[in-house]
Each structure stands twice: as structure tokens, then as C-alpha cells.
Amino acid sequence: MKTFRVLLVLALLTGTWGCAGMTSTQQRILSGSAIGTAAGAGIAAIAGGPIVLGAVAGAAAGAAGGIIVDELQGR
């Protein structure tokens, strides 16, 4: 199981290396999603809840946060 988690993290990191051609809006949404995923999974693990559900909820909240930050930065 630990090997699976390491491979998953490496796969996610590899996916973010291709972000050089993204717009700033896309980068903020992706960054928010990545941070939210990590935070949601961490909180779920600490609280004893389902880690996948925490990760999905965190990703959604992070994406929404990225959109909000982009809107505020654009003004």
C-alpha cells in the first residue's frame, strides 16, 4: 500500500510538470485543486474518515478557491 501511495504522488507530480503552457487561470485552478486534495486527504486521515472522499472534497474546494483567487487577482 505504501508503494502505491508513493507511485500515486509521483504520477501527480509528473502531471503538474506539463503546466508551462497553461494560462494563469488554469494554473491557479490546478494549484488550488492540488493543495485542496492534499489537505482534504490529510484531514480525512487524521479524522479517521474515508481518505478518497476527503481528497475529492478538498480538490473541489481548492478548485473553487483557485477560481476565486483568479477573479480577485484579475481586478
PDB file of N, CA and C in Angstrom:
ATOM      1  N   MET A   1       0.829  -1.189   0.000  1.00  0.00           N
ATOM      2  CA  MET A   1       0.000   0.000   0.000  1.00  0.00           C
ATOM      3  C   MET A   1       0.872   1.250   0.000  1.00  0.00           C
ATOM      4  N   LYS A   2       1.987   1.191   0.724  1.00  0.00           N
ATOM      5  CA  LYS A   2       2.863   2.358   0.773  1.00  0.00           C
ATOM      6  C   LYS A   2       3.486   2.620  -0.599  1.00  0.00           C
ATOM      7  N   THR A   3       3.830   1.572  -1.316  1.00  0.00           N
ATOM      8  CA  THR A   3       4.385   1.724  -2.659  1.00  0.00           C
ATOM      9  C   THR A   3       3.360   2.366  -3.586  1.00  0.00           C
ATOM     10  N   PHE A   4       2.104   1.972  -3.453  1.00  0.00           N
ATOM     11  CA  PHE A   4       1.039   2.554  -4.267  1.00  0.00           C
ATOM     12  C   PHE A   4       0.922   4.051  -4.018  1.00  0.00           C
ATOM     13  N   ARG A   5       0.983   4.457  -2.774  1.00  0.00           N
ATOM     14  CA  ARG A   5       0.885   5.886  -2.444  1.00  0.00           C
ATOM     15  C   ARG A   5       2.051   6.669  -3.020  1.00  0.00           C
ATOM     16  N   VAL A   6       3.239   6.126  -2.928  1.00  0.00           N
ATOM     17  CA  VAL A   6       4.413   6.802  -3.493  1.00  0.00           C
ATOM     18  C   VAL A   6       4.273   6.939  -5.001  1.00  0.00           C
ATOM     19  N   LEU A   7       3.825   5.887  -5.664  1.00  0.00           N
ATOM     20  CA  LEU A   7       3.628   5.938  -7.111  1.00  0.00           C
ATOM     21  C   LEU A   7       2.536   6.931  -7.490  1.00  0.00           C
ATOM     22  N   LEU A   8       1.496   7.009  -6.690  1.00  0.00           N
ATOM     23  CA  LEU A   8       0.422   7.956  -6.945  1.00  0.00           C
ATOM     24  C   LEU A   8       0.925   9.389  -6.831  1.00  0.00           C
ATOM     25  N   VAL A   9       1.684   9.675  -5.803  1.00  0.00           N
ATOM     26  CA  VAL A   9       2.242  11.018  -5.629  1.00  0.00           C
ATOM     27  C   VAL A   9       3.177  11.361  -6.790  1.00  0.00           C
ATOM     28  N   LEU A  10       4.018  10.423  -7.186  1.00  0.00           N
ATOM     29  CA  LEU A  10       4.912  10.674  -8.318  1.00  0.00           C
ATOM     30  C   LEU A  10       4.139  10.910  -9.607  1.00  0.00           C
ATOM     31  N   ALA A  11       3.070  10.176  -9.814  1.00  0.00           N
ATOM     32  CA  ALA A  11       2.244  10.371 -11.013  1.00  0.00           C
ATOM     33  C   ALA A  11       1.594  11.746 -11.006  1.00  0.00           C
ATOM     34  N   LEU A  12       1.122  12.177  -9.847  1.00  0.00           N
ATOM     35  CA  LEU A  12       0.508  13.501  -9.753  1.00  0.00           C
ATOM     36  C   LEU A  12       1.534  14.607  -9.976  1.00  0.00           C
ATOM     37  N   LEU A  13       2.720  14.438  -9.436  1.00  0.00           N
ATOM     38  CA  LEU A  13       3.764  15.437  -9.642  1.00  0.00           C
ATOM     39  C   LEU A  13       4.194  15.504 -11.099  1.00  0.00           C
ATOM     40  N   THR A  14       4.288  14.352 -11.723  1.00  0.00           N
ATOM     41  CA  THR A  14       4.662  14.314 -13.137  1.00  0.00           C
ATOM     42  C   THR A  14       3.618  15.032 -13.982  1.00  0.00           C
ATOM     43  N   GLY A  15       2.370  14.888 -13.626  1.00  0.00           N
ATOM     44  CA  GLY A  15       1.303  15.564 -14.347  1.00  0.00           C
ATOM     45  C   GLY A  15       1.362  17.076 -14.235  1.00  0.00           C
ATOM     46  N   THR A  16       1.868  17.579 -13.138  1.00  0.00           N
ATOM     47  CA  THR A  16       1.931  19.030 -12.961  1.00  0.00           C
ATOM     48  C   THR A  16       3.134  19.651 -13.673  1.00  0.00           C
ATOM     49  N   TRP A  17       4.101  18.848 -14.085  1.00  0.00           N
ATOM     50  CA  TRP A  17       5.260  19.405 -14.793  1.00  0.00           C
ATOM     51  C   TRP A  17       4.893  19.914 -16.174  1.00  0.00           C
ATOM     52  N   GLY A  18       3.792  19.481 -16.710  1.00  0.00           N
ATOM     53  CA  GLY A  18       3.369  19.911 -18.037  1.00  0.00           C
ATOM     54  C   GLY A  18       2.554  21.187 -18.024  1.00  0.00           C
ATOM     55  N   CYS A  19       2.686  21.983 -17.002  1.00  0.00           N
ATOM     56  CA  CYS A  19       1.844  23.168 -16.836  1.00  0.00           C
ATOM     57  C   CYS A  19       2.455  24.438 -17.409  1.00  0.00           C
ATOM     58  N   ALA A  20       3.554  24.349 -18.102  1.00  0.00           N
ATOM     59  CA  ALA A  20       4.236  25.556 -18.572  1.00  0.00           C
ATOM     60  C   ALA A  20       3.400  26.342 -19.569  1.00  0.00           C
ATOM     61  N   GLY A  21       2.594  25.677 -20.379  1.00  0.00           N
ATOM     62  CA  GLY A  21       1.816  26.373 -21.386  1.00  0.00           C
ATOM     63  C   GLY A  21       0.422  26.776 -20.928  1.00  0.00           C
ATOM     64  N   MET A  22       0.139  26.662 -19.651  1.00  0.00           N
ATOM     65  CA  MET A  22      -1.192  26.963 -19.142  1.00  0.00           C
ATOM     66  C   MET A  22      -1.352  28.457 -18.880  1.00  0.00           C
ATOM     67  N   THR A  23      -2.588  28.918 -18.956  1.00  0.00           N
ATOM     68  CA  THR A  23      -2.878  30.303 -18.592  1.00  0.00           C
ATOM     69  C   THR A  23      -2.787  30.438 -17.078  1.00  0.00           C
ATOM     70  N   SER A  24      -2.759  31.675 -16.614  1.00  0.00           N
ATOM     71  CA  SER A  24      -2.677  31.876 -15.161  1.00  0.00           C
ATOM     72  C   SER A  24      -3.940  31.362 -14.469  1.00  0.00           C
ATOM     73  N   THR A  25      -5.084  31.469 -15.122  1.00  0.00           N
ATOM     74  CA  THR A  25      -6.325  30.943 -14.539  1.00  0.00           C
ATOM     75  C   THR A  25      -6.243  29.435 -14.372  1.00  0.00           C
ATOM     76  N   GLN A  26      -5.777  28.748 -15.400  1.00  0.00           N
ATOM     77  CA  GLN A  26      -5.646  27.297 -15.326  1.00  0.00           C
ATOM     78  C   GLN A  26      -4.640  26.892 -14.262  1.00  0.00           C
ATOM     79  N   GLN A  27      -3.551  27.631 -14.154  1.00  0.00           N
ATOM     80  CA  GLN A  27      -2.540  27.312 -13.139  1.00  0.00           C
ATOM     81  C   GLN A  27      -3.088  27.501 -11.733  1.00  0.00           C
ATOM     82  N   ARG A  28      -3.866  28.550 -11.516  1.00  0.00           N
ATOM     83  CA  ARG A  28      -4.429  28.781 -10.183  1.00  0.00           C
ATOM     84  C   ARG A  28      -5.442  27.702  -9.820  1.00  0.00           C
ATOM     85  N   ILE A  29      -6.258  27.289 -10.786  1.00  0.00           N
ATOM     86  CA  ILE A  29      -7.238  26.234 -10.513  1.00  0.00           C
ATOM     87  C   ILE A  29      -6.529  24.920 -10.215  1.00  0.00           C
ATOM     88  N   LEU A  30      -5.511  24.594 -10.991  1.00  0.00           N
ATOM     89  CA  LEU A  30      -4.765  23.358 -10.757  1.00  0.00           C
ATOM     90  C   LEU A  30      -4.039  23.394  -9.416  1.00  0.00           C
ATOM     91  N   SER A  31      -3.421  24.515  -9.112  1.00  0.00           N
ATOM     92  CA  SER A  31      -2.720  24.636  -7.826  1.00  0.00           C
ATOM     93  C   SER A  31      -3.695  24.507  -6.666  1.00  0.00           C
ATOM     94  N   GLY A  32      -4.820  25.184  -6.766  1.00  0.00           N
ATOM     95  CA  GLY A  32      -5.829  25.085  -5.713  1.00  0.00           C
ATOM     96  C   GLY A  32      -6.331  23.669  -5.542  1.00  0.00           C
ATOM     97  N   SER A  33      -6.545  22.988  -6.664  1.00  0.00           N
ATOM     98  CA  SER A  33      -7.012  21.599  -6.598  1.00  0.00           C
ATOM     99  C   SER A  33      -5.981  20.683  -5.952  1.00  0.00           C
ATOM    100  N   ALA A  34      -4.719  20.869  -6.319  1.00  0.00           N
ATOM    101  CA  ALA A  34      -3.663  20.019  -5.757  1.00  0.00           C
ATOM    102  C   ALA A  34      -3.516  20.244  -4.259  1.00  0.00           C
ATOM    103  N   ILE A  35      -3.510  21.498  -3.856  1.00  0.00           N
ATOM    104  CA  ILE A  35      -3.392  21.803  -2.427  1.00  0.00           C
ATOM    105  C   ILE A  35      -4.620  21.301  -1.673  1.00  0.00           C
ATOM    106  N   GLY A  36      -5.799  21.506  -2.258  1.00  0.00           N
ATOM    107  CA  GLY A  36      -7.035  21.036  -1.625  1.00  0.00           C
ATOM    108  C   GLY A  36      -7.088  19.529  -1.501  1.00  0.00           C
ATOM    109  N   THR A  37      -6.603  18.828  -2.523  1.00  0.00           N
ATOM    110  CA  THR A  37      -6.577  17.366  -2.477  1.00  0.00           C
ATOM    111  C   THR A  37      -5.705  16.877  -1.332  1.00  0.00           C
ATOM    112  N   ALA A  38      -4.519  17.445  -1.229  1.00  0.00           N
ATOM    113  CA  ALA A  38      -3.604  17.044  -0.152  1.00  0.00           C
ATOM    114  C   ALA A  38      -4.192  17.373   1.218  1.00  0.00           C
ATOM    115  N   ALA A  39      -4.744  18.561   1.336  1.00  0.00           N
ATOM    116  CA  ALA A  39      -5.314  18.962   2.625  1.00  0.00           C
ATOM    117  C   ALA A  39      -6.525  18.100   2.982  1.00  0.00           C
ATOM    118  N   GLY A  40      -7.400  17.861   2.018  1.00  0.00           N
ATOM    119  CA  GLY A  40      -8.585  17.045   2.280  1.00  0.00           C
ATOM    120  C   GLY A  40      -8.238  15.620   2.664  1.00  0.00           C
ATOM    121  N   ALA A  41      -7.271  15.036   1.959  1.00  0.00           N
ATOM    122  CA  ALA A  41      -6.853  13.671   2.295  1.00  0.00           C
ATOM    123  C   ALA A  41      -6.203  13.633   3.672  1.00  0.00           C
ATOM    124  N   GLY A  42      -5.403  14.637   3.974  1.00  0.00           N
ATOM    125  CA  GLY A  42      -4.752  14.688   5.284  1.00  0.00           C
ATOM    126  C   GLY A  42      -5.745  14.838   6.420  1.00  0.00           C
ATOM    127  N   ILE A  43      -6.699  15.724   6.238  1.00  0.00           N
ATOM    128  CA  ILE A  43      -7.709  15.925   7.284  1.00  0.00           C
ATOM    129  C   ILE A  43      -8.549  14.672   7.464  1.00  0.00           C
ATOM    130  N   ALA A  44      -8.921  14.030   6.356  1.00  0.00           N
ATOM    131  CA  ALA A  44      -9.711  12.796   6.458  1.00  0.00           C
ATOM    132  C   ALA A  44      -8.923  11.697   7.159  1.00  0.00           C
ATOM    133  N   ALA A  45      -7.633  11.615   6.872  1.00  0.00           N
ATOM    134  CA  ALA A  45      -6.807  10.594   7.521  1.00  0.00           C
ATOM    135  C   ALA A  45      -6.711  10.845   9.017  1.00  0.00           C
ATOM    136  N   ILE A  46      -6.545  12.088   9.397  1.00  0.00           N
ATOM    137  CA  ILE A  46      -6.448  12.425  10.824  1.00  0.00           C
ATOM    138  C   ILE A  46      -7.780  12.188  11.526  1.00  0.00           C
ATOM    139  N   ALA A  47      -8.870  12.568  10.855  1.00  0.00           N
ATOM    140  CA  ALA A  47     -10.191  12.436  11.458  1.00  0.00           C
ATOM    141  C   ALA A  47     -10.710  11.004  11.428  1.00  0.00           C
ATOM    142  N   GLY A  48     -10.071  10.141  10.634  1.00  0.00           N
ATOM    143  CA  GLY A  48     -10.496   8.751  10.566  1.00  0.00           C
ATOM    144  C   GLY A  48     -11.601   8.506   9.556  1.00  0.00           C
ATOM    145  N   GLY A  49     -11.815   9.454   8.665  1.00  0.00           N
ATOM    146  CA  GLY A  49     -12.846   9.288   7.644  1.00  0.00           C
ATOM    147  C   GLY A  49     -12.275   8.678   6.378  1.00  0.00           C
ATOM    148  N   PRO A  50     -13.114   8.536   5.366  1.00  0.00           N
ATOM    149  CA  PRO A  50     -12.641   7.987   4.087  1.00  0.00           C
ATOM    150  C   PRO A  50     -11.702   8.975   3.381  1.00  0.00           C
ATOM    151  N   ILE A  51     -10.491   8.539   3.124  1.00  0.00           N
ATOM    152  CA  ILE A  51      -9.470   9.416   2.565  1.00  0.00           C
ATOM    153  C   ILE A  51      -9.842   9.878   1.158  1.00  0.00           C
ATOM    154  N   VAL A  52     -10.416   8.992   0.357  1.00  0.00           N
ATOM    155  CA  VAL A  52     -10.782   9.357  -1.013  1.00  0.00           C
ATOM    156  C   VAL A  52     -11.845  10.453  -1.006  1.00  0.00           C
ATOM    157  N   LEU A  53     -12.821  10.331  -0.142  1.00  0.00           N
ATOM    158  CA  LEU A  53     -13.864  11.350  -0.052  1.00  0.00           C
ATOM    159  C   LEU A  53     -13.274  12.692   0.390  1.00  0.00           C
ATOM    160  N   GLY A  54     -12.359  12.661   1.344  1.00  0.00           N
ATOM    161  CA  GLY A  54     -11.688  13.880   1.772  1.00  0.00           C
ATOM    162  C   GLY A  54     -10.879  14.507   0.655  1.00  0.00           C
ATOM    163  N   ALA A  55     -10.204  13.665  -0.125  1.00  0.00           N
ATOM    164  CA  ALA A  55      -9.407  14.173  -1.241  1.00  0.00           C
ATOM    165  C   ALA A  55     -10.286  14.813  -2.309  1.00  0.00           C
ATOM    166  N   VAL A  56     -11.408  14.184  -2.619  1.00  0.00           N
ATOM    167  CA  VAL A  56     -12.317  14.723  -3.633  1.00  0.00           C
ATOM    168  C   VAL A  56     -12.935  16.035  -3.164  1.00  0.00           C
ATOM    169  N   ALA A  57     -13.364  16.072  -1.920  1.00  0.00           N
ATOM    170  CA  ALA A  57     -13.940  17.305  -1.378  1.00  0.00           C
ATOM    171  C   ALA A  57     -12.898  18.416  -1.335  1.00  0.00           C
ATOM    172  N   GLY A  58     -11.681  18.073  -0.952  1.00  0.00           N
ATOM    173  CA  GLY A  58     -10.609  19.058  -0.919  1.00  0.00           C
ATOM    174  C   GLY A  58     -10.267  19.580  -2.300  1.00  0.00           C
ATOM    175  N   ALA A  59     -10.275  18.695  -3.300  1.00  0.00           N
ATOM    176  CA  ALA A  59      -9.994  19.115  -4.677  1.00  0.00           C
ATOM    177  C   ALA A  59     -11.053  20.089  -5.174  1.00  0.00           C
ATOM    178  N   ALA A  60     -12.308  19.800  -4.878  1.00  0.00           N
ATOM    179  CA  ALA A  60     -13.389  20.693  -5.304  1.00  0.00           C
ATOM    180  C   ALA A  60     -13.282  22.050  -4.618  1.00  0.00           C
ATOM    181  N   ALA A  61     -13.021  22.032  -3.327  1.00  0.00           N
ATOM    182  CA  ALA A  61     -12.875  23.292  -2.604  1.00  0.00           C
ATOM    183  C   ALA A  61     -11.654  24.064  -3.086  1.00  0.00           C
ATOM    184  N   GLY A  62     -10.577  23.363  -3.355  1.00  0.00           N
ATOM    185  CA  GLY A  62      -9.363  24.017  -3.849  1.00  0.00           C
ATOM    186  C   GLY A  62      -9.550  24.623  -5.222  1.00  0.00           C
ATOM    187  N   ALA A  63     -10.272  23.926  -6.102  1.00  0.00           N
ATOM    188  CA  ALA A  63     -10.553  24.465  -7.432  1.00  0.00           C
ATOM    189  C   ALA A  63     -11.407  25.724  -7.328  1.00  0.00           C
ATOM    190  N   ALA A  64     -12.412  25.678  -6.458  1.00  0.00           N
ATOM    191  CA  ALA A  64     -13.242  26.860  -6.248  1.00  0.00           C
ATOM    192  C   ALA A  64     -12.409  28.014  -5.695  1.00  0.00           C
ATOM    193  N   GLY A  65     -11.520  27.701  -4.775  1.00  0.00           N
ATOM    194  CA  GLY A  65     -10.627  28.731  -4.247  1.00  0.00           C
ATOM    195  C   GLY A  65      -9.721  29.307  -5.312  1.00  0.00           C
ATOM    196  N   GLY A  66      -9.229  28.460  -6.209  1.00  0.00           N
ATOM    197  CA  GLY A  66      -8.385  28.928  -7.305  1.00  0.00           C
ATOM    198  C   GLY A  66      -9.121  29.882  -8.228  1.00  0.00           C
ATOM    199  N   ILE A  67     -10.391  29.576  -8.496  1.00  0.00           N
ATOM    200  CA  ILE A  67     -11.208  30.456  -9.338  1.00  0.00           C
ATOM    201  C   ILE A  67     -11.426  31.788  -8.644  1.00  0.00           C
ATOM    202  N   ILE A  68     -11.715  31.759  -7.353  1.00  0.00           N
ATOM    203  CA  ILE A  68     -11.933  32.991  -6.597  1.00  0.00           C
ATOM    204  C   ILE A  68     -10.674  33.849  -6.570  1.00  0.00           C
ATOM    205  N   VAL A  69      -9.542  33.229  -6.317  1.00  0.00           N
ATOM    206  CA  VAL A  69      -8.272  33.964  -6.306  1.00  0.00           C
ATOM    207  C   VAL A  69      -7.987  34.574  -7.674  1.00  0.00           C
ATOM    208  N   ASP A  70      -8.277  33.826  -8.727  1.00  0.00           N
ATOM    209  CA  ASP A  70      -8.050  34.356 -10.074  1.00  0.00           C
ATOM    210  C   ASP A  70      -8.937  35.563 -10.344  1.00  0.00           C
ATOM    211  N   GLU A  71     -10.185  35.490  -9.903  1.00  0.00           N
ATOM    212  CA  GLU A  71     -11.096  36.631 -10.088  1.00  0.00           C
ATOM    213  C   GLU A  71     -10.601  37.845  -9.322  1.00  0.00           C
ATOM    214  N   LEU A  72     -10.112  37.636  -8.110  1.00  0.00           N
ATOM    215  CA  LEU A  72      -9.630  38.754  -7.297  1.00  0.00           C
ATOM    216  C   LEU A  72      -8.337  39.335  -7.856  1.00  0.00           C
ATOM    217  N   GLN A  73      -7.466  38.494  -8.410  1.00  0.00           N
ATOM    218  CA  GLN A  73      -6.203  38.951  -8.975  1.00  0.00           C
ATOM    219  C   GLN A  73      -6.425  39.700 -10.283  1.00  0.00           C
ATOM    220  N   GLY A  74      -7.498  39.365 -10.991  1.00  0.00           N
ATOM    221  CA  GLY A  74      -7.771  39.979 -12.296  1.00  0.00           C
ATOM    222  C   GLY A  74      -8.261  41.406 -12.198  1.00  0.00           C
ATOM    223  N   ARG A  75      -8.655  41.840 -11.045  1.00  0.00           N
ATOM    224  CA  ARG A  75      -9.212  43.197 -10.890  1.00  0.00           C
ATOM    225  C   ARG A  75      -8.156  44.204 -10.660  1.00  0.00           C
TER     226      ARG A  75
END
